[in-house]
C-alpha cells in the first residue's frame, strides 16, 4: 500500500510540474517571450540566493545535530589514530574552504550576473594563467595530503615496535576468531588443510609445532593492554573481509591466503572510554568494513582494552586450544606430561 502511495505522489508531483511549465508557456505567449524570459531570470536569481541561504543553514543545523553522534568528539583511542584525526581535520579544512568558496560564488554570481540590458558579457576562449592556477594549486595541495597519508600508512603497516603484543585475528563468514601466543610469545604454525572445527581445530593449527601448544584461541572478543603497542596478524578463511577499528582509526583487509598486519597503541582502557564518552555501554568495536555476504552486518567483534594486570589475569583464566583439542593431555590432569603427551600427539598426527 505504501509503495502505491509513493508512486501516486511522484506522479502527482510530475503532473503539477508539467502544468506549471505549460502555464508558464501560456503566460510567455500572452506577455511576450522576451519579457517573460527576463522576468523568469530575475525570479531564478532570487531563488539562487534563497537556496544558498537555506543550504548554509541546513549545513549548520545538520552539523549541530549529528556531529555529537560521530566518533570525533571522543577523539582517537590510539596514539597513531591521533595523527589520522589531524590529517582528516586538515583535509576537511582545505576541502571545506574550497566547497564554501565555490558554492557561495556559484549562487551569488548566478544572482549578480543575471541577464541585463545594461551589461555586456565578456567572452574569451583561453587563459594559460587561469589554467595553471586551477590545475597547479589543487595538484600541489592534494599531493601534500597524499604524502602525509602515505607517511602514516607506512608507519602503522611497518614492523611493530619491539616488545609489542601480538594478536592474530581471522575472519570468516560471519565472525572473528582471535588467537594469542602463549608464554613463548610465538604463534604456532597453521595449515589450511588441517582446518576442522568438528575436531577442535577451527583455525587449522599444526599441533605438531610445539609453539602452538600454549596458544589461546577465543571467538569474537579481543583483549589488549593499554599503552602497549598491539600487532595484529590478519587472516581470512573464505572471502575478503576487513578488520575495521573505528575508535582506533585503523582498518586493514583480511585476504584469503595472504596474511596482512597493522599495529596501534591503545591509550584508553574500556573503562576510561566509558567515562570519557559518558556511555556506560561503550565498547570498542571490530567491524567488517568489506561487504562479505548476506550476513555481513552481523560480523561484529569487541576489543577490551585493560591494564597489564587485568590482561594477565584474563590469560591465566584461559586454556590453550591444544589442550581443548586433546583434554587427555592436559598437564593439570595427568602426570608425566612431557613424555606421554609428545608420544601420544606424534601418534595422532601420523
C-alpha atoms as a PDB file:
ATOM      1  CA  UNK A   1       0.000   0.000   0.000  1.00  0.00           C
ATOM      2  CA  UNK A   2       2.816   2.387   0.890  1.00  0.00           C
ATOM      3  CA  UNK A   3       4.528   1.675  -2.429  1.00  0.00           C
ATOM      4  CA  UNK A   4       1.377   2.621  -4.383  1.00  0.00           C
ATOM      5  CA  UNK A   5       1.010   5.794  -2.320  1.00  0.00           C
ATOM      6  CA  UNK A   6       4.605   6.810  -3.085  1.00  0.00           C
ATOM      7  CA  UNK A   7       4.098   6.154  -6.792  1.00  0.00           C
ATOM      8  CA  UNK A   8       0.904   8.230  -6.742  1.00  0.00           C
ATOM      9  CA  UNK A   9       2.741  11.112  -5.029  1.00  0.00           C
ATOM     10  CA  UNK A  10       5.541  11.013  -7.621  1.00  0.00           C
ATOM     11  CA  UNK A  11       3.032  11.015 -10.484  1.00  0.00           C
ATOM     12  CA  UNK A  12       1.134  13.899  -8.874  1.00  0.00           C
ATOM     13  CA  UNK A  13       4.301  15.947  -8.480  1.00  0.00           C
ATOM     14  CA  UNK A  14       5.170  15.302 -12.130  1.00  0.00           C
ATOM     15  CA  UNK A  15       1.719  16.475 -13.224  1.00  0.00           C
ATOM     16  CA  UNK A  16       1.979  19.630 -11.104  1.00  0.00           C
ATOM     17  CA  UNK A  17       5.383  20.474 -12.584  1.00  0.00           C
ATOM     18  CA  UNK A  18       4.075  19.782 -16.079  1.00  0.00           C
ATOM     19  CA  UNK A  19       1.063  22.046 -15.575  1.00  0.00           C
ATOM     20  CA  UNK A  20       3.251  24.827 -14.136  1.00  0.00           C
ATOM     21  CA  UNK A  21       5.538  24.632 -17.159  1.00  0.00           C
ATOM     22  CA  UNK A  22       2.585  24.754 -19.521  1.00  0.00           C
ATOM     23  CA  UNK A  23       1.133  27.734 -17.627  1.00  0.00           C
ATOM     24  CA  UNK A  24       4.486  29.476 -17.897  1.00  0.00           C
ATOM     25  CA  UNK A  25       4.452  28.827 -21.614  1.00  0.00           C
ATOM     26  CA  UNK A  26       0.984  30.325 -21.978  1.00  0.00           C
ATOM     27  CA  UNK A  27       1.987  33.396 -19.948  1.00  0.00           C
ATOM     28  CA  UNK A  28       5.013  33.820 -22.214  1.00  0.00           C
ATOM     29  CA  UNK A  29       2.778  33.885 -25.240  1.00  0.00           C
ATOM     30  CA  UNK A  30       0.455  36.439 -23.664  1.00  0.00           C
ATOM     31  CA  UNK A  31       3.157  38.749 -22.314  1.00  0.00           C
ATOM     32  CA  UNK A  32       5.728  38.260 -24.972  1.00  0.00           C
ATOM     33  CA  UNK A  33       8.610  35.789 -24.935  1.00  0.00           C
ATOM     34  CA  UNK A  34      11.381  38.318 -24.249  1.00  0.00           C
ATOM     35  CA  UNK A  35       9.629  39.997 -21.341  1.00  0.00           C
ATOM     36  CA  UNK A  36       8.696  36.660 -19.779  1.00  0.00           C
ATOM     37  CA  UNK A  37      12.263  35.318 -20.077  1.00  0.00           C
ATOM     38  CA  UNK A  38      13.708  38.378 -18.320  1.00  0.00           C
ATOM     39  CA  UNK A  39      11.135  38.071 -15.571  1.00  0.00           C
ATOM     40  CA  UNK A  40      11.988  34.392 -15.110  1.00  0.00           C
ATOM     41  CA  UNK A  41      15.696  35.285 -14.935  1.00  0.00           C
ATOM     42  CA  UNK A  42      15.049  37.676 -12.060  1.00  0.00           C
ATOM     43  CA  UNK A  43      12.917  35.118 -10.244  1.00  0.00           C
ATOM     44  CA  UNK A  44      15.548  32.390 -10.702  1.00  0.00           C
ATOM     45  CA  UNK A  45      18.253  34.761  -9.486  1.00  0.00           C
ATOM     46  CA  UNK A  46      16.406  35.347  -6.224  1.00  0.00           C
ATOM     47  CA  UNK A  47      15.772  31.615  -5.921  1.00  0.00           C
ATOM     48  CA  UNK A  48      19.536  31.066  -6.176  1.00  0.00           C
ATOM     49  CA  UNK A  49      20.166  33.380  -3.222  1.00  0.00           C
ATOM     50  CA  UNK A  50      17.334  31.770  -1.245  1.00  0.00           C
ATOM     51  CA  UNK A  51      18.741  28.305  -1.980  1.00  0.00           C
ATOM     52  CA  UNK A  52      22.227  29.429  -0.901  1.00  0.00           C
ATOM     53  CA  UNK A  53      20.967  30.772   2.412  1.00  0.00           C
ATOM     54  CA  UNK A  54      18.760  27.734   3.042  1.00  0.00           C
ATOM     55  CA  UNK A  55      21.643  25.400   2.159  1.00  0.00           C
ATOM     56  CA  UNK A  56      24.099  27.092   4.536  1.00  0.00           C
ATOM     57  CA  UNK A  57      21.525  26.998   7.336  1.00  0.00           C
ATOM     58  CA  UNK A  58      20.924  23.320   6.580  1.00  0.00           C
ATOM     59  CA  UNK A  59      24.649  22.549   6.753  1.00  0.00           C
ATOM     60  CA  UNK A  60      24.946  24.321  10.111  1.00  0.00           C
ATOM     61  CA  UNK A  61      21.876  22.563  11.501  1.00  0.00           C
ATOM     62  CA  UNK A  62      22.943  19.083  10.355  1.00  0.00           C
ATOM     63  CA  UNK A  63      26.414  19.610  11.789  1.00  0.00           C
ATOM     64  CA  UNK A  64      24.966  20.724  15.133  1.00  0.00           C
ATOM     65  CA  UNK A  65      22.530  17.817  15.168  1.00  0.00           C
ATOM     66  CA  UNK A  66      24.771  14.954  14.053  1.00  0.00           C
ATOM     67  CA  UNK A  67      28.348  15.901  14.967  1.00  0.00           C
ATOM     68  CA  UNK A  68      27.918  14.839  18.635  1.00  0.00           C
ATOM     69  CA  UNK A  69      26.871  11.396  17.372  1.00  0.00           C
ATOM     70  CA  UNK A  70      30.074  10.867  15.386  1.00  0.00           C
ATOM     71  CA  UNK A  71      33.375   9.409  16.607  1.00  0.00           C
ATOM     72  CA  UNK A  72      35.095  12.811  16.557  1.00  0.00           C
ATOM     73  CA  UNK A  73      34.032  14.247  19.951  1.00  0.00           C
ATOM     74  CA  UNK A  74      35.639  11.363  21.876  1.00  0.00           C
ATOM     75  CA  UNK A  75      38.851  11.596  19.858  1.00  0.00           C
ATOM     76  CA  UNK A  76      41.036   8.716  18.746  1.00  0.00           C
ATOM     77  CA  UNK A  77      41.613   5.877  21.209  1.00  0.00           C
ATOM     78  CA  UNK A  78      45.059   5.110  19.776  1.00  0.00           C
ATOM     79  CA  UNK A  79      48.249   7.139  19.582  1.00  0.00           C
ATOM     80  CA  UNK A  80      48.561   6.522  15.848  1.00  0.00           C
ATOM     81  CA  UNK A  81      44.912   7.394  15.293  1.00  0.00           C
ATOM     82  CA  UNK A  82      45.523  10.918  16.592  1.00  0.00           C
ATOM     83  CA  UNK A  83      47.678  11.535  13.519  1.00  0.00           C
ATOM     84  CA  UNK A  84      44.865  10.204  11.338  1.00  0.00           C
ATOM     85  CA  UNK A  85      42.433  12.603  13.013  1.00  0.00           C
ATOM     86  CA  UNK A  86      44.807  15.521  12.481  1.00  0.00           C
ATOM     87  CA  UNK A  87      45.195  14.642   8.805  1.00  0.00           C
ATOM     88  CA  UNK A  88      41.427  14.298   8.415  1.00  0.00           C
ATOM     89  CA  UNK A  89      40.780  17.696  10.027  1.00  0.00           C
ATOM     90  CA  UNK A  90      43.331  19.298   7.699  1.00  0.00           C
ATOM     91  CA  UNK A  91      41.659  17.600   4.709  1.00  0.00           C
ATOM     92  CA  UNK A  92      38.212  18.752   5.864  1.00  0.00           C
ATOM     93  CA  UNK A  93      39.554  22.265   6.400  1.00  0.00           C
ATOM     94  CA  UNK A  94      41.042  22.512   2.918  1.00  0.00           C
ATOM     95  CA  UNK A  95      38.160  20.870   1.058  1.00  0.00           C
ATOM     96  CA  UNK A  96      35.598  22.664   3.241  1.00  0.00           C
ATOM     97  CA  UNK A  97      37.094  26.056   2.442  1.00  0.00           C
ATOM     98  CA  UNK A  98      37.042  25.242  -1.271  1.00  0.00           C
ATOM     99  CA  UNK A  99      33.470  23.949  -1.013  1.00  0.00           C
ATOM    100  CA  UNK A 100      32.100  27.047   0.704  1.00  0.00           C
ATOM    101  CA  UNK A 101      34.025  29.436  -1.540  1.00  0.00           C
ATOM    102  CA  UNK A 102      32.915  27.782  -4.776  1.00  0.00           C
ATOM    103  CA  UNK A 103      29.290  27.243  -3.724  1.00  0.00           C
ATOM    104  CA  UNK A 104      28.819  30.770  -2.397  1.00  0.00           C
ATOM    105  CA  UNK A 105      30.387  32.272  -5.513  1.00  0.00           C
ATOM    106  CA  UNK A 106      28.340  29.957  -7.754  1.00  0.00           C
ATOM    107  CA  UNK A 107      24.965  31.059  -6.376  1.00  0.00           C
ATOM    108  CA  UNK A 108      25.983  34.690  -5.843  1.00  0.00           C
ATOM    109  CA  UNK A 109      27.260  35.012  -9.421  1.00  0.00           C
ATOM    110  CA  UNK A 110      24.017  33.460 -10.726  1.00  0.00           C
ATOM    111  CA  UNK A 111      22.142  36.268  -8.984  1.00  0.00           C
ATOM    112  CA  UNK A 112      24.518  39.163  -9.559  1.00  0.00           C
ATOM    113  CA  UNK A 113      25.312  38.470 -13.202  1.00  0.00           C
ATOM    114  CA  UNK A 114      21.867  37.545 -14.447  1.00  0.00           C
ATOM    115  CA  UNK A 115      20.978  38.898 -17.881  1.00  0.00           C
ATOM    116  CA  UNK A 116      20.827  42.682 -18.061  1.00  0.00           C
ATOM    117  CA  UNK A 117      20.396  45.115 -20.955  1.00  0.00           C
ATOM    118  CA  UNK A 118      22.847  47.454 -19.207  1.00  0.00           C
ATOM    119  CA  UNK A 119      25.749  44.988 -19.236  1.00  0.00           C
ATOM    120  CA  UNK A 120      27.598  43.092 -21.929  1.00  0.00           C
ATOM    121  CA  UNK A 121      29.209  39.742 -21.095  1.00  0.00           C
ATOM    122  CA  UNK A 122      32.937  39.224 -21.545  1.00  0.00           C
ATOM    123  CA  UNK A 123      33.987  36.211 -23.575  1.00  0.00           C
ATOM    124  CA  UNK A 124      37.462  34.768 -24.033  1.00  0.00           C
ATOM    125  CA  UNK A 125      38.478  31.394 -25.419  1.00  0.00           C
ATOM    126  CA  UNK A 126      41.534  30.520 -23.361  1.00  0.00           C
ATOM    127  CA  UNK A 127      43.795  31.660 -20.499  1.00  0.00           C
ATOM    128  CA  UNK A 128      47.067  29.881 -19.744  1.00  0.00           C
ATOM    129  CA  UNK A 129      47.326  31.714 -16.419  1.00  0.00           C
ATOM    130  CA  UNK A 130      43.878  30.604 -15.298  1.00  0.00           C
ATOM    131  CA  UNK A 131      44.534  27.008 -16.411  1.00  0.00           C
ATOM    132  CA  UNK A 132      47.797  26.981 -14.452  1.00  0.00           C
ATOM    133  CA  UNK A 133      46.119  28.304 -11.306  1.00  0.00           C
ATOM    134  CA  UNK A 134      43.178  25.931 -11.147  1.00  0.00           C
ATOM    135  CA  UNK A 135      45.284  22.914 -12.147  1.00  0.00           C
ATOM    136  CA  UNK A 136      48.542  23.586 -10.336  1.00  0.00           C
ATOM    137  CA  UNK A 137      47.274  24.682  -6.922  1.00  0.00           C
ATOM    138  CA  UNK A 138      44.873  21.727  -6.397  1.00  0.00           C
ATOM    139  CA  UNK A 139      47.565  19.321  -7.619  1.00  0.00           C
ATOM    140  CA  UNK A 140      50.093  20.669  -5.094  1.00  0.00           C
ATOM    141  CA  UNK A 141      47.618  20.635  -2.194  1.00  0.00           C
ATOM    142  CA  UNK A 142      46.395  17.115  -2.966  1.00  0.00           C
ATOM    143  CA  UNK A 143      49.970  15.860  -3.353  1.00  0.00           C
ATOM    144  CA  UNK A 144      50.834  17.167   0.120  1.00  0.00           C
ATOM    145  CA  UNK A 145      47.755  15.451   1.598  1.00  0.00           C
ATOM    146  CA  UNK A 146      48.599  12.175  -0.162  1.00  0.00           C
ATOM    147  CA  UNK A 147      52.203  12.301   1.096  1.00  0.00           C
ATOM    148  CA  UNK A 148      51.016  12.718   4.697  1.00  0.00           C
ATOM    149  CA  UNK A 149      48.537   9.870   4.221  1.00  0.00           C
ATOM    150  CA  UNK A 150      51.250   7.562   2.861  1.00  0.00           C
ATOM    151  CA  UNK A 151      53.538   8.527   5.735  1.00  0.00           C
ATOM    152  CA  UNK A 152      51.017   7.411   8.346  1.00  0.00           C
ATOM    153  CA  UNK A 153      50.038   4.337   6.316  1.00  0.00           C
ATOM    154  CA  UNK A 154      53.641   3.149   6.071  1.00  0.00           C
ATOM    155  CA  UNK A 155      54.059   3.762   9.796  1.00  0.00           C
ATOM    156  CA  UNK A 156      51.312   1.516  11.130  1.00  0.00           C
ATOM    157  CA  UNK A 157      51.777  -1.161   8.455  1.00  0.00           C
ATOM    158  CA  UNK A 158      55.546  -1.380   9.044  1.00  0.00           C
ATOM    159  CA  UNK A 159      57.245  -3.577  11.648  1.00  0.00           C
ATOM    160  CA  UNK A 160      55.693  -3.130  15.063  1.00  0.00           C
ATOM    161  CA  UNK A 161      57.886  -1.805  17.898  1.00  0.00           C
ATOM    162  CA  UNK A 162      59.930  -4.364  19.785  1.00  0.00           C
ATOM    163  CA  UNK A 163      58.013  -5.918  22.657  1.00  0.00           C
ATOM    164  CA  UNK A 164      54.606  -5.375  21.052  1.00  0.00           C
ATOM    165  CA  UNK A 165      51.713  -7.600  21.975  1.00  0.00           C
ATOM    166  CA  UNK A 166      50.924  -9.990  19.120  1.00  0.00           C
ATOM    167  CA  UNK A 167      47.335 -10.979  18.379  1.00  0.00           C
ATOM    168  CA  UNK A 168      46.092 -12.960  15.401  1.00  0.00           C
ATOM    169  CA  UNK A 169      42.595 -12.227  14.100  1.00  0.00           C
ATOM    170  CA  UNK A 170      40.948 -14.415  11.472  1.00  0.00           C
ATOM    171  CA  UNK A 171      37.745 -13.543   9.663  1.00  0.00           C
ATOM    172  CA  UNK A 172      35.183 -15.905   8.201  1.00  0.00           C
ATOM    173  CA  UNK A 173      31.539 -15.640   7.206  1.00  0.00           C
ATOM    174  CA  UNK A 174      30.395 -14.181   9.570  1.00  0.00           C
ATOM    175  CA  UNK A 175      32.601 -13.833  12.632  1.00  0.00           C
ATOM    176  CA  UNK A 176      36.066 -13.261  14.054  1.00  0.00           C
ATOM    177  CA  UNK A 177      38.472 -15.732  15.655  1.00  0.00           C
ATOM    178  CA  UNK A 178      41.177 -14.422  17.981  1.00  0.00           C
ATOM    179  CA  UNK A 179      44.440 -16.241  18.812  1.00  0.00           C
ATOM    180  CA  UNK A 180      47.139 -15.222  21.281  1.00  0.00           C
ATOM    181  CA  UNK A 181      50.625 -16.669  21.611  1.00  0.00           C
ATOM    182  CA  UNK A 182      51.320 -18.279  24.970  1.00  0.00           C
ATOM    183  CA  UNK A 183      54.264 -17.772  27.291  1.00  0.00           C
ATOM    184  CA  UNK A 184      56.747 -18.378  24.456  1.00  0.00           C
ATOM    185  CA  UNK A 185      55.430 -15.291  22.615  1.00  0.00           C
ATOM    186  CA  UNK A 186      55.273 -17.214  19.319  1.00  0.00           C
ATOM    187  CA  UNK A 187      52.179 -18.207  17.373  1.00  0.00           C
ATOM    188  CA  UNK A 188      52.206 -21.797  16.203  1.00  0.00           C
ATOM    189  CA  UNK A 189      52.159 -22.704  12.520  1.00  0.00           C
ATOM    190  CA  UNK A 190      48.898 -23.092  10.624  1.00  0.00           C
ATOM    191  CA  UNK A 191      47.939 -25.175   7.604  1.00  0.00           C
ATOM    192  CA  UNK A 192      44.569 -24.623   5.978  1.00  0.00           C
ATOM    193  CA  UNK A 193      44.387 -28.338   5.167  1.00  0.00           C
ATOM    194  CA  UNK A 194      44.190 -29.065   8.891  1.00  0.00           C
ATOM    195  CA  UNK A 195      41.144 -26.840   9.443  1.00  0.00           C
ATOM    196  CA  UNK A 196      38.438 -28.933  11.094  1.00  0.00           C
ATOM    197  CA  UNK A 197      36.145 -27.251  13.603  1.00  0.00           C
ATOM    198  CA  UNK A 198      34.459 -30.576  14.433  1.00  0.00           C
ATOM    199  CA  UNK A 199      37.791 -31.887  15.747  1.00  0.00           C
ATOM    200  CA  UNK A 200      38.589 -28.750  17.740  1.00  0.00           C
ATOM    201  CA  UNK A 201      40.835 -27.111  15.159  1.00  0.00           C
ATOM    202  CA  UNK A 202      38.815 -24.292  13.506  1.00  0.00           C
ATOM    203  CA  UNK A 203      41.953 -22.337  12.569  1.00  0.00           C
ATOM    204  CA  UNK A 204      43.962 -25.196  11.067  1.00  0.00           C
ATOM    205  CA  UNK A 205      46.728 -25.043  13.671  1.00  0.00           C
ATOM    206  CA  UNK A 206      49.574 -27.524  13.181  1.00  0.00           C
ATOM    207  CA  UNK A 207      49.639 -29.360  16.503  1.00  0.00           C
ATOM    208  CA  UNK A 208      52.978 -30.860  15.515  1.00  0.00           C
ATOM    209  CA  UNK A 209      54.552 -27.433  16.097  1.00  0.00           C
ATOM    210  CA  UNK A 210      55.444 -27.157  19.788  1.00  0.00           C
ATOM    211  CA  UNK A 211      54.964 -23.376  19.623  1.00  0.00           C
ATOM    212  CA  UNK A 212      51.232 -23.948  19.129  1.00  0.00           C
ATOM    213  CA  UNK A 213      50.721 -25.892  22.358  1.00  0.00           C
ATOM    214  CA  UNK A 214      50.297 -22.802  24.534  1.00  0.00           C
ATOM    215  CA  UNK A 215      48.389 -20.654  22.036  1.00  0.00           C
ATOM    216  CA  UNK A 216      44.998 -19.433  23.240  1.00  0.00           C
ATOM    217  CA  UNK A 217      42.018 -19.182  20.901  1.00  0.00           C
ATOM    218  CA  UNK A 218      38.772 -17.338  21.608  1.00  0.00           C
ATOM    219  CA  UNK A 219      35.955 -16.045  19.433  1.00  0.00           C
ATOM    220  CA  UNK A 220      34.606 -12.516  18.948  1.00  0.00           C
ATOM    221  CA  UNK A 221      36.311 -10.702  21.856  1.00  0.00           C
ATOM    222  CA  UNK A 222      39.909  -9.464  21.781  1.00  0.00           C
ATOM    223  CA  UNK A 223      41.788  -8.376  24.918  1.00  0.00           C
ATOM    224  CA  UNK A 224      44.714  -5.942  24.614  1.00  0.00           C
ATOM    225  CA  UNK A 225      46.848  -3.935  27.038  1.00  0.00           C
ATOM    226  CA  UNK A 226      46.566  -0.171  27.350  1.00  0.00           C
ATOM    227  CA  UNK A 227      49.622   1.924  26.337  1.00  0.00           C
ATOM    228  CA  UNK A 228      51.297  -1.129  24.780  1.00  0.00           C
ATOM    229  CA  UNK A 229      51.678  -1.489  21.000  1.00  0.00           C
ATOM    230  CA  UNK A 230      49.481  -4.229  19.549  1.00  0.00           C
ATOM    231  CA  UNK A 231      50.457  -6.033  16.352  1.00  0.00           C
ATOM    232  CA  UNK A 232      47.527  -7.635  14.550  1.00  0.00           C
ATOM    233  CA  UNK A 233      48.214 -10.571  12.235  1.00  0.00           C
ATOM    234  CA  UNK A 234      45.149 -10.660   9.990  1.00  0.00           C
ATOM    235  CA  UNK A 235      43.798 -13.628   8.022  1.00  0.00           C
ATOM    236  CA  UNK A 236      40.649 -14.741   6.227  1.00  0.00           C
ATOM    237  CA  UNK A 237      39.318 -18.250   5.759  1.00  0.00           C
ATOM    238  CA  UNK A 238      36.928 -17.626   2.884  1.00  0.00           C
ATOM    239  CA  UNK A 239      36.336 -14.248   1.198  1.00  0.00           C
ATOM    240  CA  UNK A 240      37.881 -10.808   1.606  1.00  0.00           C
ATOM    241  CA  UNK A 241      36.927  -9.219   4.919  1.00  0.00           C
ATOM    242  CA  UNK A 242      38.239  -6.045   6.514  1.00  0.00           C
ATOM    243  CA  UNK A 243      39.259  -5.519  10.127  1.00  0.00           C
ATOM    244  CA  UNK A 244      37.763  -2.121  10.909  1.00  0.00           C
ATOM    245  CA  UNK A 245      38.707  -0.473  14.207  1.00  0.00           C
ATOM    246  CA  UNK A 246      36.750   2.804  14.088  1.00  0.00           C
ATOM    247  CA  UNK A 247      37.624   4.072  17.574  1.00  0.00           C
ATOM    248  CA  UNK A 248      41.324   3.488  16.860  1.00  0.00           C
ATOM    249  CA  UNK A 249      41.061   4.946  13.320  1.00  0.00           C
ATOM    250  CA  UNK A 250      42.551   1.783  11.805  1.00  0.00           C
ATOM    251  CA  UNK A 251      41.476  -0.751   9.191  1.00  0.00           C
ATOM    252  CA  UNK A 252      43.097  -3.474   7.137  1.00  0.00           C
ATOM    253  CA  UNK A 253      41.854  -6.022   4.619  1.00  0.00           C
ATOM    254  CA  UNK A 254      41.739  -9.688   5.595  1.00  0.00           C
ATOM    255  CA  UNK A 255      42.725 -11.529   2.418  1.00  0.00           C
ATOM    256  CA  UNK A 256      42.453 -15.321   1.956  1.00  0.00           C
ATOM    257  CA  UNK A 257      45.911 -16.881   1.735  1.00  0.00           C
ATOM    258  CA  UNK A 258      47.750 -13.581   2.271  1.00  0.00           C
ATOM    259  CA  UNK A 259      48.283 -12.531   5.909  1.00  0.00           C
ATOM    260  CA  UNK A 260      48.308  -8.766   6.487  1.00  0.00           C
ATOM    261  CA  UNK A 261      49.415  -6.780   9.520  1.00  0.00           C
ATOM    262  CA  UNK A 262      48.977  -3.456  11.246  1.00  0.00           C
ATOM    263  CA  UNK A 263      49.847  -2.134  14.684  1.00  0.00           C
ATOM    264  CA  UNK A 264      48.488   0.524  17.002  1.00  0.00           C
ATOM    265  CA  UNK A 265      48.815   1.659  20.602  1.00  0.00           C
ATOM    266  CA  UNK A 266      45.573   1.920  22.610  1.00  0.00           C
ATOM    267  CA  UNK A 267      45.708   4.846  25.043  1.00  0.00           C
ATOM    268  CA  UNK A 268      42.422   4.477  26.941  1.00  0.00           C
ATOM    269  CA  UNK A 269      41.039   1.422  28.686  1.00  0.00           C
ATOM    270  CA  UNK A 270      37.455   0.441  28.008  1.00  0.00           C
ATOM    271  CA  UNK A 271      36.527   1.713  31.482  1.00  0.00           C
ATOM    272  CA  UNK A 272      38.168   5.084  30.778  1.00  0.00           C
ATOM    273  CA  UNK A 273      36.300   5.422  27.482  1.00  0.00           C
ATOM    274  CA  UNK A 274      33.009   4.733  29.237  1.00  0.00           C
ATOM    275  CA  UNK A 275      33.731   7.728  31.463  1.00  0.00           C
ATOM    276  CA  UNK A 276      35.092   9.836  28.601  1.00  0.00           C
ATOM    277  CA  UNK A 277      32.042   9.272  26.408  1.00  0.00           C
ATOM    278  CA  UNK A 278      29.526   9.230  29.244  1.00  0.00           C
ATOM    279  CA  UNK A 279      28.211   5.947  27.818  1.00  0.00           C
ATOM    280  CA  UNK A 280      28.145   3.063  30.325  1.00  0.00           C
ATOM    281  CA  UNK A 281      27.528   0.623  27.452  1.00  0.00           C
ATOM    282  CA  UNK A 282      30.536   1.746  25.391  1.00  0.00           C
ATOM    283  CA  UNK A 283      32.623  -0.966  23.735  1.00  0.00           C
ATOM    284  CA  UNK A 284      35.486  -0.885  21.254  1.00  0.00           C
ATOM    285  CA  UNK A 285      34.174  -2.425  18.061  1.00  0.00           C
ATOM    286  CA  UNK A 286      35.685  -4.724  15.462  1.00  0.00           C
ATOM    287  CA  UNK A 287      33.668  -4.174  12.298  1.00  0.00           C
ATOM    288  CA  UNK A 288      33.947  -5.832   8.925  1.00  0.00           C
ATOM    289  CA  UNK A 289      34.421  -2.895   6.552  1.00  0.00           C
ATOM    290  CA  UNK A 290      34.212  -5.027   3.404  1.00  0.00           C
ATOM    291  CA  UNK A 291      30.891  -6.319   2.098  1.00  0.00           C
ATOM    292  CA  UNK A 292      31.383 -10.053   2.511  1.00  0.00           C
ATOM    293  CA  UNK A 293      27.980 -11.673   2.063  1.00  0.00           C
ATOM    294  CA  UNK A 294      24.401 -11.736   3.298  1.00  0.00           C
ATOM    295  CA  UNK A 295      25.405 -11.846   6.973  1.00  0.00           C
ATOM    296  CA  UNK A 296      27.944  -9.021   6.664  1.00  0.00           C
ATOM    297  CA  UNK A 297      26.000  -6.791   9.050  1.00  0.00           C
ATOM    298  CA  UNK A 298      26.313  -9.385  11.846  1.00  0.00           C
ATOM    299  CA  UNK A 299      30.110  -9.627  11.644  1.00  0.00           C
ATOM    300  CA  UNK A 300      30.962  -7.688  14.757  1.00  0.00           C
ATOM    301  CA  UNK A 301      33.601  -8.230  17.400  1.00  0.00           C
ATOM    302  CA  UNK A 302      34.654  -6.458  20.573  1.00  0.00           C
ATOM    303  CA  UNK A 303      38.008  -5.248  21.867  1.00  0.00           C
ATOM    304  CA  UNK A 304      38.572  -4.971  25.595  1.00  0.00           C
ATOM    305  CA  UNK A 305      41.400  -2.594  26.482  1.00  0.00           C
ATOM    306  CA  UNK A 306      42.642  -3.181  30.011  1.00  0.00           C
ATOM    307  CA  UNK A 307      45.645  -2.891  32.277  1.00  0.00           C
ATOM    308  CA  UNK A 308      48.515  -5.369  32.137  1.00  0.00           C
ATOM    309  CA  UNK A 309      47.373  -6.922  35.431  1.00  0.00           C
ATOM    310  CA  UNK A 310      43.839  -7.480  34.152  1.00  0.00           C
ATOM    311  CA  UNK A 311      45.144  -8.885  30.890  1.00  0.00           C
ATOM    312  CA  UNK A 312      47.466 -11.323  32.706  1.00  0.00           C
ATOM    313  CA  UNK A 313      44.554 -12.458  34.870  1.00  0.00           C
ATOM    314  CA  UNK A 314      42.408 -12.975  31.765  1.00  0.00           C
ATOM    315  CA  UNK A 315      45.086 -15.024  30.016  1.00  0.00           C
ATOM    316  CA  UNK A 316      45.640 -17.119  33.145  1.00  0.00           C
ATOM    317  CA  UNK A 317      41.936 -17.990  33.137  1.00  0.00           C
ATOM    318  CA  UNK A 318      42.083 -19.324  29.558  1.00  0.00           C
ATOM    319  CA  UNK A 319      43.026 -22.824  28.465  1.00  0.00           C
ATOM    320  CA  UNK A 320      45.145 -23.323  25.355  1.00  0.00           C
ATOM    321  CA  UNK A 321      43.416 -24.581  22.245  1.00  0.00           C
ATOM    322  CA  UNK A 322      45.808 -27.531  22.181  1.00  0.00           C
ATOM    323  CA  UNK A 323      44.532 -28.857  25.499  1.00  0.00           C
ATOM    324  CA  UNK A 324      40.929 -28.185  24.459  1.00  0.00           C
ATOM    325  CA  UNK A 325      41.554 -30.417  21.433  1.00  0.00           C
ATOM    326  CA  UNK A 326      43.459 -33.022  23.497  1.00  0.00           C
ATOM    327  CA  UNK A 327      41.991 -32.826  27.007  1.00  0.00           C
ATOM    328  CA  UNK A 328      43.596 -36.133  27.992  1.00  0.00           C
ATOM    329  CA  UNK A 329      46.999 -34.446  27.609  1.00  0.00           C
ATOM    330  CA  UNK A 330      46.218 -31.565  29.955  1.00  0.00           C
ATOM    331  CA  UNK A 331      49.126 -31.452  32.444  1.00  0.00           C
ATOM    332  CA  UNK A 332      46.692 -30.500  35.186  1.00  0.00           C
ATOM    333  CA  UNK A 333      45.017 -33.892  34.758  1.00  0.00           C
ATOM    334  CA  UNK A 334      47.883 -36.261  34.044  1.00  0.00           C
ATOM    335  CA  UNK A 335      51.355 -36.899  35.380  1.00  0.00           C
ATOM    336  CA  UNK A 336      54.450 -37.270  33.237  1.00  0.00           C
ATOM    337  CA  UNK A 337      53.013 -34.836  30.705  1.00  0.00           C
ATOM    338  CA  UNK A 338      56.190 -34.198  28.728  1.00  0.00           C
ATOM    339  CA  UNK A 339      56.927 -37.720  27.598  1.00  0.00           C
ATOM    340  CA  UNK A 340      53.376 -39.031  27.368  1.00  0.00           C
ATOM    341  CA  UNK A 341      51.963 -36.014  25.544  1.00  0.00           C
ATOM    342  CA  UNK A 342      54.757 -35.943  22.996  1.00  0.00           C
ATOM    343  CA  UNK A 343      54.385 -39.628  22.229  1.00  0.00           C
ATOM    344  CA  UNK A 344      50.592 -39.547  22.012  1.00  0.00           C
ATOM    345  CA  UNK A 345      50.469 -36.449  19.803  1.00  0.00           C
ATOM    346  CA  UNK A 346      53.100 -37.881  17.487  1.00  0.00           C
ATOM    347  CA  UNK A 347      50.943 -40.985  17.037  1.00  0.00           C
ATOM    348  CA  UNK A 348      47.760 -38.957  16.394  1.00  0.00           C
ATOM    349  CA  UNK A 349      49.391 -36.718  13.840  1.00  0.00           C
ATOM    350  CA  UNK A 350      50.640 -39.575  11.680  1.00  0.00           C
END
